[in-house]
Amino acid sequence: MPGAVRPTVRIEAHDFDVAAEIAGLTQGSTDIGAVVTFSGLCRDEQGALSALELEHYPGMAEAEIGRIAAEAIERWPLQGLTVIHRHGRIAPGENIVLVVAASAHRQAAFEAANFLMDYLKSRAPFWKKEHHADGSEGGWVEAKEADDEAASRWTKPGG
């Protein structure tokens, strides 16, 4: 349908500028009353971690995130949606993920951003390996049960 919101989904190795992404999404739009952002950063785990290494299947990851972004647009009245996820080696303090949801009203923007982050934490096709500050390589990070529980609240009845 003409004028329908199309999400921007990018998976990239290089860092992103949060303010520039917000400006790009909202530029020229006068119907946006709320912009909710979530930016996830790499933690150092109290000095124990030197980096996270994120891997993905190119093409598959973009398609899956695009699918869930399209579902968010169906569920909430959004004027814009951007999802960026990095891959490669990411040091503590660096950006990993960004979700920007824009809507006429805050509730839709908050819920859409929450929905996307719950999906990204629990079901997006990324694999994380820890690299320890002492130079040793850690294992692959397992999904957390709490992330699965958070995502389950968005399951449609009967679906």
C-alpha atoms as a PDB file:
ATOM      1  CA  MET A   1       0.000   0.000   0.000  1.00  0.00           C
ATOM      2  CA  PRO A   2       1.366   3.462  -0.850  1.00  0.00           C
ATOM      3  CA  GLY A   3       2.945   5.348   2.030  1.00  0.00           C
ATOM      4  CA  ALA A   4       3.223   2.223   4.173  1.00  0.00           C
ATOM      5  CA  VAL A   5       6.036   2.248   6.706  1.00  0.00           C
ATOM      6  CA  ARG A   6       8.990   0.151   5.627  1.00  0.00           C
ATOM      7  CA  PRO A   7      11.428  -0.797   8.363  1.00  0.00           C
ATOM      8  CA  THR A   8      15.141  -0.208   7.963  1.00  0.00           C
ATOM      9  CA  VAL A   9      17.098  -3.298   8.973  1.00  0.00           C
ATOM     10  CA  ARG A  10      20.889  -3.370   8.825  1.00  0.00           C
ATOM     11  CA  ILE A  11      23.466  -5.847  10.033  1.00  0.00           C
ATOM     12  CA  GLU A  12      26.939  -4.404   9.861  1.00  0.00           C
ATOM     13  CA  ALA A  13      30.417  -4.673  11.316  1.00  0.00           C
ATOM     14  CA  HIS A  14      31.052  -0.963  11.752  1.00  0.00           C
ATOM     15  CA  ASP A  15      29.692   1.200  14.546  1.00  0.00           C
ATOM     16  CA  PHE A  16      26.652   3.434  14.139  1.00  0.00           C
ATOM     17  CA  ASP A  17      25.763   6.939  15.335  1.00  0.00           C
ATOM     18  CA  VAL A  18      22.594   6.820  17.445  1.00  0.00           C
ATOM     19  CA  ALA A  19      21.767  10.527  16.997  1.00  0.00           C
ATOM     20  CA  ALA A  20      22.274  10.337  13.225  1.00  0.00           C
ATOM     21  CA  GLU A  21      19.971   7.297  13.005  1.00  0.00           C
ATOM     22  CA  ILE A  22      17.224   9.118  14.939  1.00  0.00           C
ATOM     23  CA  ALA A  23      17.635  12.223  12.774  1.00  0.00           C
ATOM     24  CA  GLY A  24      17.486  10.134   9.604  1.00  0.00           C
ATOM     25  CA  LEU A  25      14.296   8.419  10.708  1.00  0.00           C
ATOM     26  CA  THR A  26      12.478  11.582  11.768  1.00  0.00           C
ATOM     27  CA  GLN A  27      13.717  14.105   9.205  1.00  0.00           C
ATOM     28  CA  GLY A  28      10.843  15.757   7.387  1.00  0.00           C
ATOM     29  CA  SER A  29       8.167  13.961   9.420  1.00  0.00           C
ATOM     30  CA  THR A  30       5.629  16.107  11.210  1.00  0.00           C
ATOM     31  CA  ASP A  31       3.341  13.247  12.300  1.00  0.00           C
ATOM     32  CA  ILE A  32       5.833  11.768  14.793  1.00  0.00           C
ATOM     33  CA  GLY A  33       5.099  12.571  18.422  1.00  0.00           C
ATOM     34  CA  ALA A  34       7.331   9.984  20.077  1.00  0.00           C
ATOM     35  CA  VAL A  35      10.655   8.331  19.346  1.00  0.00           C
ATOM     36  CA  VAL A  36      11.778   5.483  21.571  1.00  0.00           C
ATOM     37  CA  THR A  37      15.296   4.158  21.242  1.00  0.00           C
ATOM     38  CA  PHE A  38      17.129   1.269  22.749  1.00  0.00           C
ATOM     39  CA  SER A  39      20.851   0.992  22.282  1.00  0.00           C
ATOM     40  CA  GLY A  40      22.606  -2.055  23.640  1.00  0.00           C
ATOM     41  CA  LEU A  41      26.276  -1.834  24.553  1.00  0.00           C
ATOM     42  CA  CYS A  42      28.932  -4.457  25.177  1.00  0.00           C
ATOM     43  CA  ARG A  43      29.685  -4.815  28.911  1.00  0.00           C
ATOM     44  CA  ASP A  44      33.090  -5.722  30.331  1.00  0.00           C
ATOM     45  CA  GLU A  45      31.512  -8.060  32.914  1.00  0.00           C
ATOM     46  CA  GLN A  46      33.384  -6.390  35.799  1.00  0.00           C
ATOM     47  CA  GLY A  47      36.687  -6.366  33.910  1.00  0.00           C
ATOM     48  CA  ALA A  48      36.572 -10.035  32.894  1.00  0.00           C
ATOM     49  CA  LEU A  49      35.629  -9.484  29.228  1.00  0.00           C
ATOM     50  CA  SER A  50      37.821  -7.934  26.521  1.00  0.00           C
ATOM     51  CA  ALA A  51      35.335  -8.421  23.678  1.00  0.00           C
ATOM     52  CA  LEU A  52      32.281 -10.205  22.359  1.00  0.00           C
ATOM     53  CA  GLU A  53      32.433 -11.815  18.957  1.00  0.00           C
ATOM     54  CA  LEU A  54      29.079 -11.944  17.179  1.00  0.00           C
ATOM     55  CA  GLU A  55      28.453 -14.220  14.203  1.00  0.00           C
ATOM     56  CA  HIS A  56      25.396 -14.537  11.986  1.00  0.00           C
ATOM     57  CA  TYR A  57      24.239 -16.072   8.724  1.00  0.00           C
ATOM     58  CA  PRO A  58      24.230 -13.213   6.193  1.00  0.00           C
ATOM     59  CA  GLY A  59      20.875 -12.939   4.477  1.00  0.00           C
ATOM     60  CA  MET A  60      19.085 -15.136   6.998  1.00  0.00           C
ATOM     61  CA  ALA A  61      19.592 -12.741   9.912  1.00  0.00           C
ATOM     62  CA  GLU A  62      18.390  -9.739   7.895  1.00  0.00           C
ATOM     63  CA  ALA A  63      15.344 -11.657   6.686  1.00  0.00           C
ATOM     64  CA  GLU A  64      14.393 -12.799  10.192  1.00  0.00           C
ATOM     65  CA  ILE A  65      14.806  -9.355  11.727  1.00  0.00           C
ATOM     66  CA  GLY A  66      12.911  -7.861   8.775  1.00  0.00           C
ATOM     67  CA  ARG A  67      10.082 -10.309   9.397  1.00  0.00           C
ATOM     68  CA  ILE A  68       9.758  -9.361  13.064  1.00  0.00           C
ATOM     69  CA  ALA A  69      10.082  -5.639  12.223  1.00  0.00           C
ATOM     70  CA  ALA A  70       7.206  -6.035   9.739  1.00  0.00           C
ATOM     71  CA  GLU A  71       5.178  -7.728  12.473  1.00  0.00           C
ATOM     72  CA  ALA A  72       5.828  -4.741  14.777  1.00  0.00           C
ATOM     73  CA  ILE A  73       4.531  -2.417  12.060  1.00  0.00           C
ATOM     74  CA  GLU A  74       1.385  -4.542  11.764  1.00  0.00           C
ATOM     75  CA  ARG A  75       0.820  -4.537  15.540  1.00  0.00           C
ATOM     76  CA  TRP A  76       1.451  -0.845  16.324  1.00  0.00           C
ATOM     77  CA  PRO A  77       0.805   2.405  14.438  1.00  0.00           C
ATOM     78  CA  LEU A  78       4.407   3.321  13.667  1.00  0.00           C
ATOM     79  CA  GLN A  79       5.678   6.135  11.461  1.00  0.00           C
ATOM     80  CA  GLY A  80       9.176   4.683  11.284  1.00  0.00           C
ATOM     81  CA  LEU A  81      11.321   1.807  12.501  1.00  0.00           C
ATOM     82  CA  THR A  82      15.070   1.189  12.381  1.00  0.00           C
ATOM     83  CA  VAL A  83      16.882  -1.905  13.640  1.00  0.00           C
ATOM     84  CA  ILE A  84      20.669  -2.147  13.460  1.00  0.00           C
ATOM     85  CA  HIS A  85      22.665  -5.088  14.800  1.00  0.00           C
ATOM     86  CA  ARG A  86      26.428  -5.340  14.650  1.00  0.00           C
ATOM     87  CA  HIS A  87      28.537  -8.422  14.033  1.00  0.00           C
ATOM     88  CA  GLY A  88      32.230  -9.135  14.430  1.00  0.00           C
ATOM     89  CA  ARG A  89      34.435  -8.364  17.411  1.00  0.00           C
ATOM     90  CA  ILE A  90      32.920  -5.724  19.716  1.00  0.00           C
ATOM     91  CA  ALA A  91      34.804  -4.221  22.658  1.00  0.00           C
ATOM     92  CA  PRO A  92      33.246  -3.179  25.969  1.00  0.00           C
ATOM     93  CA  GLY A  93      31.561   0.200  25.694  1.00  0.00           C
ATOM     94  CA  GLU A  94      30.851  -0.190  21.983  1.00  0.00           C
ATOM     95  CA  ASN A  95      27.375  -0.369  20.473  1.00  0.00           C
ATOM     96  CA  ILE A  96      25.900  -3.768  19.641  1.00  0.00           C
ATOM     97  CA  VAL A  97      22.276  -3.065  18.759  1.00  0.00           C
ATOM     98  CA  LEU A  98      19.937  -0.145  18.090  1.00  0.00           C
ATOM     99  CA  VAL A  99      16.157  -0.067  17.840  1.00  0.00           C
ATOM    100  CA  VAL A 100      14.431   3.210  16.970  1.00  0.00           C
ATOM    101  CA  ALA A 101      10.616   3.195  16.927  1.00  0.00           C
ATOM    102  CA  ALA A 102       8.694   6.317  15.920  1.00  0.00           C
ATOM    103  CA  SER A 103       4.968   6.826  16.366  1.00  0.00           C
ATOM    104  CA  ALA A 104       2.402   9.546  16.879  1.00  0.00           C
ATOM    105  CA  HIS A 105       2.123   8.456  20.516  1.00  0.00           C
ATOM    106  CA  ARG A 106       4.610   7.109  23.043  1.00  0.00           C
ATOM    107  CA  GLN A 107       2.861   3.871  24.029  1.00  0.00           C
ATOM    108  CA  ALA A 108       3.062   2.384  20.542  1.00  0.00           C
ATOM    109  CA  ALA A 109       6.724   3.379  20.224  1.00  0.00           C
ATOM    110  CA  PHE A 110       7.602   1.897  23.637  1.00  0.00           C
ATOM    111  CA  GLU A 111       5.770  -1.363  22.969  1.00  0.00           C
ATOM    112  CA  ALA A 112       7.225  -1.812  19.488  1.00  0.00           C
ATOM    113  CA  ALA A 113      10.771  -1.203  20.742  1.00  0.00           C
ATOM    114  CA  ASN A 114      10.236  -3.625  23.635  1.00  0.00           C
ATOM    115  CA  PHE A 115       8.806  -6.256  21.289  1.00  0.00           C
ATOM    116  CA  LEU A 116      11.793  -5.988  18.952  1.00  0.00           C
ATOM    117  CA  MET A 117      14.361  -6.171  21.740  1.00  0.00           C
ATOM    118  CA  ASP A 118      12.676  -9.188  23.313  1.00  0.00           C
ATOM    119  CA  TYR A 119      12.854 -10.905  19.920  1.00  0.00           C
ATOM    120  CA  LEU A 120      16.461  -9.884  19.282  1.00  0.00           C
ATOM    121  CA  LYS A 121      17.572 -11.168  22.705  1.00  0.00           C
ATOM    122  CA  SER A 122      15.786 -14.491  22.451  1.00  0.00           C
ATOM    123  CA  ARG A 123      15.374 -15.546  18.819  1.00  0.00           C
ATOM    124  CA  ALA A 124      17.505 -13.533  16.390  1.00  0.00           C
ATOM    125  CA  PRO A 125      20.037 -15.742  14.596  1.00  0.00           C
ATOM    126  CA  PHE A 126      23.231 -14.418  16.206  1.00  0.00           C
ATOM    127  CA  TRP A 127      25.876 -16.328  18.122  1.00  0.00           C
ATOM    128  CA  LYS A 128      28.073 -14.676  20.746  1.00  0.00           C
ATOM    129  CA  LYS A 129      31.488 -15.834  21.883  1.00  0.00           C
ATOM    130  CA  GLU A 130      33.252 -14.250  24.850  1.00  0.00           C
ATOM    131  CA  HIS A 131      36.903 -13.193  24.786  1.00  0.00           C
ATOM    132  CA  HIS A 132      38.320 -12.803  28.278  1.00  0.00           C
ATOM    133  CA  ALA A 133      40.539  -9.968  29.485  1.00  0.00           C
ATOM    134  CA  ASP A 134      43.251 -12.504  30.448  1.00  0.00           C
ATOM    135  CA  GLY A 135      43.586 -13.455  26.766  1.00  0.00           C
ATOM    136  CA  SER A 136      41.669 -16.722  26.986  1.00  0.00           C
ATOM    137  CA  GLU A 137      38.729 -17.470  24.764  1.00  0.00           C
ATOM    138  CA  GLY A 138      35.410 -18.110  26.436  1.00  0.00           C
ATOM    139  CA  GLY A 139      32.616 -20.269  25.193  1.00  0.00           C
ATOM    140  CA  TRP A 140      29.540 -19.441  23.190  1.00  0.00           C
ATOM    141  CA  VAL A 141      26.976 -17.547  25.247  1.00  0.00           C
ATOM    142  CA  GLU A 142      23.803 -19.511  25.940  1.00  0.00           C
ATOM    143  CA  ALA A 143      20.387 -17.900  25.663  1.00  0.00           C
ATOM    144  CA  LYS A 144      18.935 -16.873  29.006  1.00  0.00           C
ATOM    145  CA  GLU A 145      15.632 -18.294  30.210  1.00  0.00           C
ATOM    146  CA  ALA A 146      14.568 -14.787  31.301  1.00  0.00           C
ATOM    147  CA  ASP A 147      14.914 -13.563  27.692  1.00  0.00           C
ATOM    148  CA  ASP A 148      12.679 -16.385  26.449  1.00  0.00           C
ATOM    149  CA  GLU A 149      10.116 -15.601  29.135  1.00  0.00           C
ATOM    150  CA  ALA A 150      10.105 -11.903  28.194  1.00  0.00           C
ATOM    151  CA  ALA A 151       9.563 -12.747  24.520  1.00  0.00           C
ATOM    152  CA  SER A 152       6.715 -15.156  25.294  1.00  0.00           C
ATOM    153  CA  ARG A 153       4.460 -12.270  26.371  1.00  0.00           C
ATOM    154  CA  TRP A 154       4.183 -11.196  22.716  1.00  0.00           C
ATOM    155  CA  THR A 155       2.860 -14.534  21.437  1.00  0.00           C
ATOM    156  CA  LYS A 156      -0.471 -14.043  19.766  1.00  0.00           C
ATOM    157  CA  PRO A 157      -3.292 -16.189  21.171  1.00  0.00           C
ATOM    158  CA  GLY A 158      -3.795 -19.202  18.950  1.00  0.00           C
ATOM    159  CA  GLY A 159      -0.518 -18.495  17.117  1.00  0.00           C
END
